[in-house]
């Protein structure tokens, strides 16, 4: 994932909505939606809950190394 996609994924994990993420990153909620679609395709997932679980798993794996 590119840097902005990582940031969007982190903010989803914090529980922010697309409009809230957009406000925080100074992008439109539609741009957030587009980034999420790319993230979901890259990770072969289909929900924000799955994304949050994947981000949490990856963080845990990084800490274990």
PDB file of N, CA and C in Angstrom:
ATOM      1  N   UNK A   1       0.836  -1.179   0.000  1.00  0.00           N
ATOM      2  CA  UNK A   1       0.000   0.000   0.000  1.00  0.00           C
ATOM      3  C   UNK A   1       0.880   1.240   0.000  1.00  0.00           C
ATOM      4  N   UNK A   2       0.380   2.296  -0.600  1.00  0.00           N
ATOM      5  CA  UNK A   2       1.112   3.559  -0.595  1.00  0.00           C
ATOM      6  C   UNK A   2       0.876   4.274   0.733  1.00  0.00           C
ATOM      7  N   UNK A   3       1.651   5.289   1.000  1.00  0.00           N
ATOM      8  CA  UNK A   3       1.626   5.966   2.302  1.00  0.00           C
ATOM      9  C   UNK A   3       0.228   6.459   2.669  1.00  0.00           C
ATOM     10  N   UNK A   4      -0.464   7.101   1.747  1.00  0.00           N
ATOM     11  CA  UNK A   4      -1.792   7.626   2.070  1.00  0.00           C
ATOM     12  C   UNK A   4      -2.772   6.494   2.362  1.00  0.00           C
ATOM     13  N   UNK A   5      -2.631   5.375   1.666  1.00  0.00           N
ATOM     14  CA  UNK A   5      -3.494   4.230   1.952  1.00  0.00           C
ATOM     15  C   UNK A   5      -3.234   3.694   3.358  1.00  0.00           C
ATOM     16  N   UNK A   6      -1.985   3.671   3.784  1.00  0.00           N
ATOM     17  CA  UNK A   6      -1.664   3.258   5.152  1.00  0.00           C
ATOM     18  C   UNK A   6      -2.316   4.198   6.157  1.00  0.00           C
ATOM     19  N   UNK A   7      -2.256   5.481   5.874  1.00  0.00           N
ATOM     20  CA  UNK A   7      -2.849   6.469   6.774  1.00  0.00           C
ATOM     21  C   UNK A   7      -4.355   6.282   6.853  1.00  0.00           C
ATOM     22  N   UNK A   8      -5.007   6.094   5.704  1.00  0.00           N
ATOM     23  CA  UNK A   8      -6.454   5.858   5.681  1.00  0.00           C
ATOM     24  C   UNK A   8      -6.781   4.595   6.477  1.00  0.00           C
ATOM     25  N   UNK A   9      -6.018   3.527   6.262  1.00  0.00           N
ATOM     26  CA  UNK A   9      -6.253   2.272   6.985  1.00  0.00           C
ATOM     27  C   UNK A   9      -6.115   2.476   8.487  1.00  0.00           C
ATOM     28  N   UNK A  10      -5.113   3.220   8.917  1.00  0.00           N
ATOM     29  CA  UNK A  10      -4.928   3.499  10.342  1.00  0.00           C
ATOM     30  C   UNK A  10      -6.124   4.251  10.917  1.00  0.00           C
ATOM     31  N   UNK A  11      -6.630   5.217  10.167  1.00  0.00           N
ATOM     32  CA  UNK A  11      -7.759   6.016  10.656  1.00  0.00           C
ATOM     33  C   UNK A  11      -9.045   5.192  10.693  1.00  0.00           C
ATOM     34  N   UNK A  12      -9.205   4.269   9.748  1.00  0.00           N
ATOM     35  CA  UNK A  12     -10.349   3.340   9.804  1.00  0.00           C
ATOM     36  C   UNK A  12     -10.250   2.511  11.080  1.00  0.00           C
ATOM     37  N   UNK A  13      -9.046   2.061  11.397  1.00  0.00           N
ATOM     38  CA  UNK A  13      -8.831   1.261  12.594  1.00  0.00           C
ATOM     39  C   UNK A  13      -9.178   2.043  13.857  1.00  0.00           C
ATOM     40  N   UNK A  14      -8.989   3.365  13.812  1.00  0.00           N
ATOM     41  CA  UNK A  14      -9.357   4.220  14.951  1.00  0.00           C
ATOM     42  C   UNK A  14     -10.859   4.441  15.036  1.00  0.00           C
ATOM     43  N   UNK A  15     -11.602   3.982  14.014  1.00  0.00           N
ATOM     44  CA  UNK A  15     -13.056   4.090  14.042  1.00  0.00           C
ATOM     45  C   UNK A  15     -13.622   5.315  13.351  1.00  0.00           C
ATOM     46  N   UNK A  16     -12.799   6.043  12.607  1.00  0.00           N
ATOM     47  CA  UNK A  16     -13.279   7.239  11.923  1.00  0.00           C
ATOM     48  C   UNK A  16     -14.084   6.869  10.678  1.00  0.00           C
ATOM     49  N   UNK A  17     -15.070   7.698  10.369  1.00  0.00           N
ATOM     50  CA  UNK A  17     -15.882   7.526   9.165  1.00  0.00           C
ATOM     51  C   UNK A  17     -15.155   8.150   7.974  1.00  0.00           C
ATOM     52  N   UNK A  18     -15.641   7.865   6.770  1.00  0.00           N
ATOM     53  CA  UNK A  18     -15.029   8.460   5.574  1.00  0.00           C
ATOM     54  C   UNK A  18     -15.003   9.985   5.646  1.00  0.00           C
ATOM     55  N   UNK A  19     -16.115  10.647   5.998  1.00  0.00           N
ATOM     56  CA  UNK A  19     -16.056  12.113   6.098  1.00  0.00           C
ATOM     57  C   UNK A  19     -15.053  12.600   7.145  1.00  0.00           C
ATOM     58  N   UNK A  20     -14.960  11.899   8.274  1.00  0.00           N
ATOM     59  CA  UNK A  20     -13.998  12.289   9.310  1.00  0.00           C
ATOM     60  C   UNK A  20     -12.563  12.114   8.827  1.00  0.00           C
ATOM     61  N   UNK A  21     -12.307  11.007   8.121  1.00  0.00           N
ATOM     62  CA  UNK A  21     -10.973  10.774   7.563  1.00  0.00           C
ATOM     63  C   UNK A  21     -10.652  11.859   6.547  1.00  0.00           C
ATOM     64  N   UNK A  22     -11.617  12.170   5.703  1.00  0.00           N
ATOM     65  CA  UNK A  22     -11.428  13.217   4.706  1.00  0.00           C
ATOM     66  C   UNK A  22     -11.078  14.553   5.337  1.00  0.00           C
ATOM     67  N   UNK A  23     -11.802  14.907   6.388  1.00  0.00           N
ATOM     68  CA  UNK A  23     -11.515  16.167   7.084  1.00  0.00           C
ATOM     69  C   UNK A  23     -10.105  16.160   7.659  1.00  0.00           C
ATOM     70  N   UNK A  24      -9.726  15.064   8.253  1.00  0.00           N
ATOM     71  CA  UNK A  24      -8.408  14.974   8.888  1.00  0.00           C
ATOM     72  C   UNK A  24      -7.286  15.073   7.855  1.00  0.00           C
ATOM     73  N   UNK A  25      -7.507  14.489   6.664  1.00  0.00           N
ATOM     74  CA  UNK A  25      -6.454  14.450   5.641  1.00  0.00           C
ATOM     75  C   UNK A  25      -6.620  15.527   4.566  1.00  0.00           C
ATOM     76  N   UNK A  26      -7.652  16.349   4.700  1.00  0.00           N
ATOM     77  CA  UNK A  26      -7.933  17.413   3.724  1.00  0.00           C
ATOM     78  C   UNK A  26      -8.187  16.849   2.325  1.00  0.00           C
ATOM     79  N   UNK A  27      -8.949  15.746   2.285  1.00  0.00           N
ATOM     80  CA  UNK A  27      -9.382  15.159   1.017  1.00  0.00           C
ATOM     81  C   UNK A  27     -10.885  14.905   1.112  1.00  0.00           C
ATOM     82  N   UNK A  28     -11.539  14.683  -0.019  1.00  0.00           N
ATOM     83  CA  UNK A  28     -12.985  14.451   0.008  1.00  0.00           C
ATOM     84  C   UNK A  28     -13.293  13.047   0.504  1.00  0.00           C
ATOM     85  N   UNK A  29     -14.525  12.869   0.996  1.00  0.00           N
ATOM     86  CA  UNK A  29     -14.912  11.534   1.449  1.00  0.00           C
ATOM     87  C   UNK A  29     -14.945  10.552   0.286  1.00  0.00           C
ATOM     88  N   UNK A  30     -15.155  11.043  -0.930  1.00  0.00           N
ATOM     89  CA  UNK A  30     -15.123  10.174  -2.112  1.00  0.00           C
ATOM     90  C   UNK A  30     -13.693   9.699  -2.396  1.00  0.00           C
ATOM     91  N   UNK A  31     -12.719  10.550  -2.144  1.00  0.00           N
ATOM     92  CA  UNK A  31     -11.328  10.139  -2.303  1.00  0.00           C
ATOM     93  C   UNK A  31     -10.986   9.077  -1.262  1.00  0.00           C
ATOM     94  N   UNK A  32     -11.477   9.250  -0.054  1.00  0.00           N
ATOM     95  CA  UNK A  32     -11.290   8.237   0.986  1.00  0.00           C
ATOM     96  C   UNK A  32     -11.906   6.918   0.519  1.00  0.00           C
ATOM     97  N   UNK A  33     -13.113   6.999  -0.010  1.00  0.00           N
ATOM     98  CA  UNK A  33     -13.813   5.810  -0.508  1.00  0.00           C
ATOM     99  C   UNK A  33     -12.984   5.110  -1.593  1.00  0.00           C
ATOM    100  N   UNK A  34     -12.386   5.886  -2.470  1.00  0.00           N
ATOM    101  CA  UNK A  34     -11.545   5.337  -3.531  1.00  0.00           C
ATOM    102  C   UNK A  34     -10.318   4.636  -2.956  1.00  0.00           C
ATOM    103  N   UNK A  35      -9.678   5.262  -1.980  1.00  0.00           N
ATOM    104  CA  UNK A  35      -8.518   4.637  -1.336  1.00  0.00           C
ATOM    105  C   UNK A  35      -8.922   3.320  -0.663  1.00  0.00           C
ATOM    106  N   UNK A  36     -10.082   3.327  -0.008  1.00  0.00           N
ATOM    107  CA  UNK A  36     -10.538   2.102   0.646  1.00  0.00           C
ATOM    108  C   UNK A  36     -10.805   0.997  -0.372  1.00  0.00           C
ATOM    109  N   UNK A  37     -11.372   1.344  -1.508  1.00  0.00           N
ATOM    110  CA  UNK A  37     -11.612   0.342  -2.551  1.00  0.00           C
ATOM    111  C   UNK A  37     -10.293  -0.274  -3.013  1.00  0.00           C
ATOM    112  N   UNK A  38      -9.270   0.548  -3.171  1.00  0.00           N
ATOM    113  CA  UNK A  38      -7.957   0.034  -3.567  1.00  0.00           C
ATOM    114  C   UNK A  38      -7.363  -0.857  -2.481  1.00  0.00           C
ATOM    115  N   UNK A  39      -7.492  -0.422  -1.239  1.00  0.00           N
ATOM    116  CA  UNK A  39      -6.969  -1.205  -0.117  1.00  0.00           C
ATOM    117  C   UNK A  39      -7.678  -2.551  -0.044  1.00  0.00           C
ATOM    118  N   UNK A  40      -9.012  -2.531  -0.123  1.00  0.00           N
ATOM    119  CA  UNK A  40      -9.781  -3.773  -0.048  1.00  0.00           C
ATOM    120  C   UNK A  40      -9.352  -4.735  -1.149  1.00  0.00           C
ATOM    121  N   UNK A  41      -9.154  -4.225  -2.360  1.00  0.00           N
ATOM    122  CA  UNK A  41      -8.738  -5.083  -3.483  1.00  0.00           C
ATOM    123  C   UNK A  41      -7.347  -5.660  -3.248  1.00  0.00           C
ATOM    124  N   UNK A  42      -6.425  -4.820  -2.775  1.00  0.00           N
ATOM    125  CA  UNK A  42      -5.054  -5.285  -2.548  1.00  0.00           C
ATOM    126  C   UNK A  42      -4.983  -6.354  -1.462  1.00  0.00           C
ATOM    127  N   UNK A  43      -5.819  -6.212  -0.451  1.00  0.00           N
ATOM    128  CA  UNK A  43      -5.789  -7.147   0.679  1.00  0.00           C
ATOM    129  C   UNK A  43      -6.815  -8.270   0.548  1.00  0.00           C
ATOM    130  N   UNK A  44      -7.608  -8.220  -0.521  1.00  0.00           N
ATOM    131  CA  UNK A  44      -8.651  -9.217  -0.762  1.00  0.00           C
ATOM    132  C   UNK A  44      -9.624  -9.304   0.417  1.00  0.00           C
ATOM    133  N   UNK A  45     -10.089  -8.130   0.853  1.00  0.00           N
ATOM    134  CA  UNK A  45     -11.063  -8.042   1.933  1.00  0.00           C
ATOM    135  C   UNK A  45     -12.252  -7.227   1.451  1.00  0.00           C
ATOM    136  N   UNK A  46     -13.320  -7.202   2.258  1.00  0.00           N
ATOM    137  CA  UNK A  46     -14.519  -6.509   1.800  1.00  0.00           C
ATOM    138  C   UNK A  46     -15.190  -5.635   2.849  1.00  0.00           C
ATOM    139  N   UNK A  47     -14.551  -5.452   4.002  1.00  0.00           N
ATOM    140  CA  UNK A  47     -15.200  -4.625   5.023  1.00  0.00           C
ATOM    141  C   UNK A  47     -14.171  -3.854   5.849  1.00  0.00           C
ATOM    142  N   UNK A  48     -14.670  -2.810   6.486  1.00  0.00           N
ATOM    143  CA  UNK A  48     -13.835  -2.001   7.367  1.00  0.00           C
ATOM    144  C   UNK A  48     -13.378  -2.830   8.571  1.00  0.00           C
ATOM    145  N   UNK A  49     -14.246  -3.716   9.044  1.00  0.00           N
ATOM    146  CA  UNK A  49     -13.887  -4.571  10.182  1.00  0.00           C
ATOM    147  C   UNK A  49     -12.719  -5.485   9.812  1.00  0.00           C
ATOM    148  N   UNK A  50     -12.750  -6.051   8.607  1.00  0.00           N
ATOM    149  CA  UNK A  50     -11.648  -6.888   8.157  1.00  0.00           C
ATOM    150  C   UNK A  50     -10.365  -6.066   8.035  1.00  0.00           C
ATOM    151  N   UNK A  51     -10.504  -4.840   7.557  1.00  0.00           N
ATOM    152  CA  UNK A  51      -9.339  -3.969   7.430  1.00  0.00           C
ATOM    153  C   UNK A  51      -8.743  -3.675   8.805  1.00  0.00           C
ATOM    154  N   UNK A  52      -9.588  -3.352   9.757  1.00  0.00           N
ATOM    155  CA  UNK A  52      -9.102  -3.063  11.109  1.00  0.00           C
ATOM    156  C   UNK A  52      -8.402  -4.283  11.695  1.00  0.00           C
ATOM    157  N   UNK A  53      -8.953  -5.462  11.474  1.00  0.00           N
ATOM    158  CA  UNK A  53      -8.325  -6.690  11.973  1.00  0.00           C
ATOM    159  C   UNK A  53      -6.972  -6.908  11.310  1.00  0.00           C
ATOM    160  N   UNK A  54      -6.881  -6.657  10.010  1.00  0.00           N
ATOM    161  CA  UNK A  54      -5.618  -6.841   9.279  1.00  0.00           C
ATOM    162  C   UNK A  54      -4.564  -5.842   9.750  1.00  0.00           C
ATOM    163  N   UNK A  55      -4.955  -4.593   9.942  1.00  0.00           N
ATOM    164  CA  UNK A  55      -4.009  -3.580  10.424  1.00  0.00           C
ATOM    165  C   UNK A  55      -3.507  -3.969  11.812  1.00  0.00           C
ATOM    166  N   UNK A  56      -4.408  -4.399  12.669  1.00  0.00           N
ATOM    167  CA  UNK A  56      -4.029  -4.809  14.023  1.00  0.00           C
ATOM    168  C   UNK A  56      -3.079  -5.996  13.977  1.00  0.00           C
ATOM    169  N   UNK A  57      -3.371  -6.974  13.122  1.00  0.00           N
ATOM    170  CA  UNK A  57      -2.506  -8.151  12.990  1.00  0.00           C
ATOM    171  C   UNK A  57      -1.115  -7.753  12.510  1.00  0.00           C
ATOM    172  N   UNK A  58      -1.065  -6.876  11.513  1.00  0.00           N
ATOM    173  CA  UNK A  58       0.230  -6.449  10.979  1.00  0.00           C
ATOM    174  C   UNK A  58       1.039  -5.670  12.011  1.00  0.00           C
ATOM    175  N   UNK A  59       0.368  -4.841  12.788  1.00  0.00           N
ATOM    176  CA  UNK A  59       1.071  -4.100  13.854  1.00  0.00           C
ATOM    177  C   UNK A  59       1.649  -5.063  14.864  1.00  0.00           C
ATOM    178  N   UNK A  60       0.849  -6.069  15.248  1.00  0.00           N
ATOM    179  CA  UNK A  60       1.313  -7.063  16.219  1.00  0.00           C
ATOM    180  C   UNK A  60       2.507  -7.825  15.672  1.00  0.00           C
ATOM    181  N   UNK A  61       2.428  -8.221  14.381  1.00  0.00           N
ATOM    182  CA  UNK A  61       3.541  -8.934  13.752  1.00  0.00           C
ATOM    183  C   UNK A  61       4.814  -8.083  13.737  1.00  0.00           C
ATOM    184  N   UNK A  62       4.669  -6.784  13.466  1.00  0.00           N
ATOM    185  CA  UNK A  62       5.830  -5.891  13.458  1.00  0.00           C
ATOM    186  C   UNK A  62       6.462  -5.793  14.836  1.00  0.00           C
ATOM    187  N   UNK A  63       5.626  -5.787  15.871  1.00  0.00           N
ATOM    188  CA  UNK A  63       6.141  -5.686  17.236  1.00  0.00           C
ATOM    189  C   UNK A  63       6.849  -6.963  17.648  1.00  0.00           C
ATOM    190  N   UNK A  64       6.426  -8.096  17.105  1.00  0.00           N
ATOM    191  CA  UNK A  64       7.029  -9.377  17.453  1.00  0.00           C
ATOM    192  C   UNK A  64       8.398  -9.577  16.813  1.00  0.00           C
ATOM    193  N   UNK A  65       8.720  -8.791  15.807  1.00  0.00           N
ATOM    194  CA  UNK A  65       9.987  -8.971  15.098  1.00  0.00           C
ATOM    195  C   UNK A  65      11.116  -8.241  15.756  1.00  0.00           C
TER     196      UNK A  65
END
